Amino acid sequence: MSNDLPPAVAGTRLPGGEYRITAEENRALCEALHTNPHGDGRAHEIYSYIATQSGMGLSVDGLLALCEFDAADGPMLGSSNARYLSALRTDETYRVSGEILGLTRKQSKKLGTMDVLEYRLTLSRASGEPVLEVTNTWILPRRTLS
């Protein structure tokens, strides 16, 4: 890997997979968050992150390996933005697909050299209808390059 350029991973499709939000799992999550489950079968909104990350077809270590980054070097979540197209429902299995949008090398006064990873995950119904899109941005400090 060059000190000037991060690995060329933009456009890489993630393997994808499935995630099912059960009513029981949703109830347990809501209990842990000290909130009540929706009475109409909607899942808690935090599943926008849980379901997409869990179903993207790679572990976090696997995603970071694509970027030639070791989790032991301390990746940080910069942001996670969800765009809902319809409500998440319990007892429904969703398909997850995703793509790396970019990996950009930057300089930071605080962190030194770092890469900014941006990737999008889409959660769809079995019919193919998209339910939500989540764009995550992670900060990958490149301490050995600073």
C-alpha atoms as a PDB file:
ATOM      1  CA  MET A   1       0.000   0.000   0.000  1.00  0.00           C
ATOM      2  CA  SER A   2       1.352   3.409  -0.976  1.00  0.00           C
ATOM      3  CA  ASN A   3       1.548   6.118   1.678  1.00  0.00           C
ATOM      4  CA  ASP A   4      -0.242   8.461  -0.727  1.00  0.00           C
ATOM      5  CA  LEU A   5      -3.134   6.274  -1.813  1.00  0.00           C
ATOM      6  CA  PRO A   6      -5.462   3.949   0.066  1.00  0.00           C
ATOM      7  CA  PRO A   7      -6.450   0.579  -1.452  1.00  0.00           C
ATOM      8  CA  ALA A   8      -8.722   0.983  -4.502  1.00  0.00           C
ATOM      9  CA  VAL A   9     -11.895  -0.557  -3.069  1.00  0.00           C
ATOM     10  CA  ALA A  10     -14.551   1.905  -4.286  1.00  0.00           C
ATOM     11  CA  GLY A  11     -17.233  -0.010  -6.161  1.00  0.00           C
ATOM     12  CA  THR A  12     -16.548  -3.295  -4.367  1.00  0.00           C
ATOM     13  CA  ARG A  13     -19.829  -5.178  -3.907  1.00  0.00           C
ATOM     14  CA  LEU A  14     -20.271  -6.810  -0.520  1.00  0.00           C
ATOM     15  CA  PRO A  15     -21.430 -10.454  -0.508  1.00  0.00           C
ATOM     16  CA  GLY A  16     -24.732  -9.703   1.214  1.00  0.00           C
ATOM     17  CA  GLY A  17     -27.015 -12.100   2.998  1.00  0.00           C
ATOM     18  CA  GLU A  18     -30.212 -12.220   5.005  1.00  0.00           C
ATOM     19  CA  TYR A  19     -31.444 -11.051   8.377  1.00  0.00           C
ATOM     20  CA  ARG A  20     -34.689 -11.910  10.153  1.00  0.00           C
ATOM     21  CA  ILE A  21     -36.030  -9.676  12.929  1.00  0.00           C
ATOM     22  CA  THR A  22     -38.146 -11.894  15.167  1.00  0.00           C
ATOM     23  CA  ALA A  23     -40.814 -10.445  17.431  1.00  0.00           C
ATOM     24  CA  GLU A  24     -39.080 -12.089  20.408  1.00  0.00           C
ATOM     25  CA  GLU A  25     -35.706 -10.564  19.524  1.00  0.00           C
ATOM     26  CA  ASN A  26     -37.355  -7.169  19.030  1.00  0.00           C
ATOM     27  CA  ARG A  27     -39.075  -7.420  22.437  1.00  0.00           C
ATOM     28  CA  ALA A  28     -35.769  -8.289  24.142  1.00  0.00           C
ATOM     29  CA  LEU A  29     -34.009  -5.385  22.435  1.00  0.00           C
ATOM     30  CA  CYS A  30     -36.768  -2.948  23.411  1.00  0.00           C
ATOM     31  CA  GLU A  31     -36.604  -4.210  26.998  1.00  0.00           C
ATOM     32  CA  ALA A  32     -32.825  -3.644  27.064  1.00  0.00           C
ATOM     33  CA  LEU A  33     -33.411  -0.112  25.740  1.00  0.00           C
ATOM     34  CA  HIS A  34     -36.133   0.548  28.336  1.00  0.00           C
ATOM     35  CA  THR A  35     -38.796   1.135  25.708  1.00  0.00           C
ATOM     36  CA  ASN A  36     -41.944  -0.666  24.639  1.00  0.00           C
ATOM     37  CA  PRO A  37     -42.170  -2.535  21.347  1.00  0.00           C
ATOM     38  CA  HIS A  38     -44.499  -1.040  18.767  1.00  0.00           C
ATOM     39  CA  GLY A  39     -47.875  -2.749  19.019  1.00  0.00           C
ATOM     40  CA  ASP A  40     -48.316  -3.006  15.256  1.00  0.00           C
ATOM     41  CA  GLY A  41     -45.413  -5.328  14.360  1.00  0.00           C
ATOM     42  CA  ARG A  42     -42.896  -2.616  13.530  1.00  0.00           C
ATOM     43  CA  ALA A  43     -39.348  -3.365  14.595  1.00  0.00           C
ATOM     44  CA  HIS A  44     -37.245  -0.917  16.607  1.00  0.00           C
ATOM     45  CA  GLU A  45     -35.427   1.569  14.379  1.00  0.00           C
ATOM     46  CA  ILE A  46     -31.968   0.496  15.615  1.00  0.00           C
ATOM     47  CA  TYR A  47     -32.387  -2.584  13.424  1.00  0.00           C
ATOM     48  CA  SER A  48     -31.457  -0.319  10.518  1.00  0.00           C
ATOM     49  CA  TYR A  49     -27.890  -0.727  11.789  1.00  0.00           C
ATOM     50  CA  ILE A  50     -28.075  -4.188  13.371  1.00  0.00           C
ATOM     51  CA  ALA A  51     -29.749  -5.936  10.425  1.00  0.00           C
ATOM     52  CA  THR A  52     -27.600  -4.351   7.730  1.00  0.00           C
ATOM     53  CA  GLN A  53     -24.299  -4.918   9.542  1.00  0.00           C
ATOM     54  CA  SER A  54     -25.229  -8.477  10.518  1.00  0.00           C
ATOM     55  CA  GLY A  55     -26.439  -9.381   7.041  1.00  0.00           C
ATOM     56  CA  MET A  56     -23.800  -7.724   4.851  1.00  0.00           C
ATOM     57  CA  GLY A  57     -22.049 -11.043   4.246  1.00  0.00           C
ATOM     58  CA  LEU A  58     -18.753 -10.040   5.865  1.00  0.00           C
ATOM     59  CA  SER A  59     -17.618  -9.674   9.431  1.00  0.00           C
ATOM     60  CA  VAL A  60     -16.286  -6.288  10.513  1.00  0.00           C
ATOM     61  CA  ASP A  61     -12.793  -7.809  10.307  1.00  0.00           C
ATOM     62  CA  GLY A  62     -13.566  -8.947   6.753  1.00  0.00           C
ATOM     63  CA  LEU A  63     -14.768  -5.499   5.706  1.00  0.00           C
ATOM     64  CA  LEU A  64     -11.683  -3.876   7.230  1.00  0.00           C
ATOM     65  CA  ALA A  65      -9.409  -6.453   5.557  1.00  0.00           C
ATOM     66  CA  LEU A  66     -10.689  -5.256   2.166  1.00  0.00           C
ATOM     67  CA  CYS A  67      -9.295  -1.849   3.183  1.00  0.00           C
ATOM     68  CA  GLU A  68      -6.007  -3.410   4.354  1.00  0.00           C
ATOM     69  CA  PHE A  69      -6.820  -2.310   7.898  1.00  0.00           C
ATOM     70  CA  ASP A  70      -6.567  -4.281  11.140  1.00  0.00           C
ATOM     71  CA  ALA A  71      -9.344  -3.839  13.711  1.00  0.00           C
ATOM     72  CA  ALA A  72      -6.644  -3.799  16.412  1.00  0.00           C
ATOM     73  CA  ASP A  73      -5.639  -0.365  15.051  1.00  0.00           C
ATOM     74  CA  GLY A  74      -8.895   1.155  16.331  1.00  0.00           C
ATOM     75  CA  PRO A  75     -11.477   1.915  13.641  1.00  0.00           C
ATOM     76  CA  MET A  76     -14.080   4.483  14.665  1.00  0.00           C
ATOM     77  CA  LEU A  77     -17.645   4.906  13.483  1.00  0.00           C
ATOM     78  CA  GLY A  78     -17.898   8.406  12.063  1.00  0.00           C
ATOM     79  CA  SER A  79     -21.574   8.370  11.109  1.00  0.00           C
ATOM     80  CA  SER A  80     -24.475   6.125  10.199  1.00  0.00           C
ATOM     81  CA  ASN A  81     -27.329   7.624   8.212  1.00  0.00           C
ATOM     82  CA  ALA A  82     -30.484   5.630   7.487  1.00  0.00           C
ATOM     83  CA  ARG A  83     -33.022   6.496   4.820  1.00  0.00           C
ATOM     84  CA  TYR A  84     -36.276   4.637   5.445  1.00  0.00           C
ATOM     85  CA  LEU A  85     -38.447   3.786   2.465  1.00  0.00           C
ATOM     86  CA  SER A  86     -40.929   1.872   4.632  1.00  0.00           C
ATOM     87  CA  ALA A  87     -41.120   0.546   8.193  1.00  0.00           C
ATOM     88  CA  LEU A  88     -39.129  -2.457   9.344  1.00  0.00           C
ATOM     89  CA  ARG A  89     -41.384  -5.321  10.413  1.00  0.00           C
ATOM     90  CA  THR A  90     -40.860  -8.187  12.804  1.00  0.00           C
ATOM     91  CA  ASP A  91     -41.073 -11.799  11.634  1.00  0.00           C
ATOM     92  CA  GLU A  92     -39.923 -10.872   8.148  1.00  0.00           C
ATOM     93  CA  THR A  93     -36.680 -11.979   6.521  1.00  0.00           C
ATOM     94  CA  TYR A  94     -34.798  -9.243   4.699  1.00  0.00           C
ATOM     95  CA  ARG A  95     -32.078  -9.384   2.080  1.00  0.00           C
ATOM     96  CA  VAL A  96     -28.992  -7.255   2.563  1.00  0.00           C
ATOM     97  CA  SER A  97     -26.809  -5.962  -0.243  1.00  0.00           C
ATOM     98  CA  GLY A  98     -24.020  -3.444  -0.143  1.00  0.00           C
ATOM     99  CA  GLU A  99     -21.202  -1.612  -1.810  1.00  0.00           C
ATOM    100  CA  ILE A 100     -18.116   0.305  -0.766  1.00  0.00           C
ATOM    101  CA  LEU A 101     -18.593   3.871  -1.985  1.00  0.00           C
ATOM    102  CA  GLY A 102     -15.114   5.114  -1.246  1.00  0.00           C
ATOM    103  CA  LEU A 103     -11.926   4.974   0.784  1.00  0.00           C
ATOM    104  CA  THR A 104     -10.283   8.367   0.971  1.00  0.00           C
ATOM    105  CA  ARG A 105      -6.907   9.207   2.536  1.00  0.00           C
ATOM    106  CA  LYS A 106      -6.896  12.365   4.683  1.00  0.00           C
ATOM    107  CA  GLN A 107      -4.670  14.153   7.158  1.00  0.00           C
ATOM    108  CA  SER A 108      -5.956  15.024  10.613  1.00  0.00           C
ATOM    109  CA  LYS A 109      -4.246  17.187  13.217  1.00  0.00           C
ATOM    110  CA  LYS A 110      -5.468  14.841  15.930  1.00  0.00           C
ATOM    111  CA  LEU A 111      -5.187  11.418  14.248  1.00  0.00           C
ATOM    112  CA  GLY A 112      -2.490  11.990  11.639  1.00  0.00           C
ATOM    113  CA  THR A 113      -2.967   9.992   8.448  1.00  0.00           C
ATOM    114  CA  MET A 114      -6.345   8.288   8.238  1.00  0.00           C
ATOM    115  CA  ASP A 115      -8.645   6.745   5.695  1.00  0.00           C
ATOM    116  CA  VAL A 116     -12.358   7.517   5.553  1.00  0.00           C
ATOM    117  CA  LEU A 117     -14.381   4.452   4.563  1.00  0.00           C
ATOM    118  CA  GLU A 118     -17.885   5.010   3.234  1.00  0.00           C
ATOM    119  CA  TYR A 119     -20.194   2.133   2.339  1.00  0.00           C
ATOM    120  CA  ARG A 120     -23.907   1.713   1.703  1.00  0.00           C
ATOM    121  CA  LEU A 121     -26.069  -1.232   2.775  1.00  0.00           C
ATOM    122  CA  THR A 122     -29.588  -1.801   1.465  1.00  0.00           C
ATOM    123  CA  LEU A 123     -32.241  -3.859   3.230  1.00  0.00           C
ATOM    124  CA  SER A 124     -34.906  -5.284   0.902  1.00  0.00           C
ATOM    125  CA  ARG A 125     -37.955  -7.498   1.228  1.00  0.00           C
ATOM    126  CA  ALA A 126     -37.948 -10.950  -0.372  1.00  0.00           C
ATOM    127  CA  SER A 127     -39.882  -9.334  -3.261  1.00  0.00           C
ATOM    128  CA  GLY A 128     -36.866  -7.087  -3.929  1.00  0.00           C
ATOM    129  CA  GLU A 129     -38.617  -3.941  -2.651  1.00  0.00           C
ATOM    130  CA  PRO A 130     -36.049  -1.807  -0.785  1.00  0.00           C
ATOM    131  CA  VAL A 131     -37.020  -0.948   2.799  1.00  0.00           C
ATOM    132  CA  LEU A 132     -34.053   1.176   3.803  1.00  0.00           C
ATOM    133  CA  GLU A 133     -30.569   2.290   2.879  1.00  0.00           C
ATOM    134  CA  VAL A 134     -27.844   2.931   5.425  1.00  0.00           C
ATOM    135  CA  THR A 135     -24.658   4.800   4.621  1.00  0.00           C
ATOM    136  CA  ASN A 136     -21.893   4.253   7.157  1.00  0.00           C
ATOM    137  CA  THR A 137     -18.690   6.242   7.444  1.00  0.00           C
ATOM    138  CA  TRP A 138     -15.787   4.839   9.427  1.00  0.00           C
ATOM    139  CA  ILE A 139     -12.504   6.503  10.311  1.00  0.00           C
ATOM    140  CA  LEU A 140      -9.472   4.221   9.937  1.00  0.00           C
ATOM    141  CA  PRO A 141      -6.405   5.765  11.609  1.00  0.00           C
ATOM    142  CA  ARG A 142      -3.212   4.838   9.756  1.00  0.00           C
ATOM    143  CA  ARG A 143      -0.803   5.319  12.642  1.00  0.00           C
ATOM    144  CA  THR A 144       2.042   3.606  10.808  1.00  0.00           C
ATOM    145  CA  LEU A 145       1.818   6.241   8.035  1.00  0.00           C
ATOM    146  CA  SER A 146       1.723   9.318  10.298  1.00  0.00           C
END
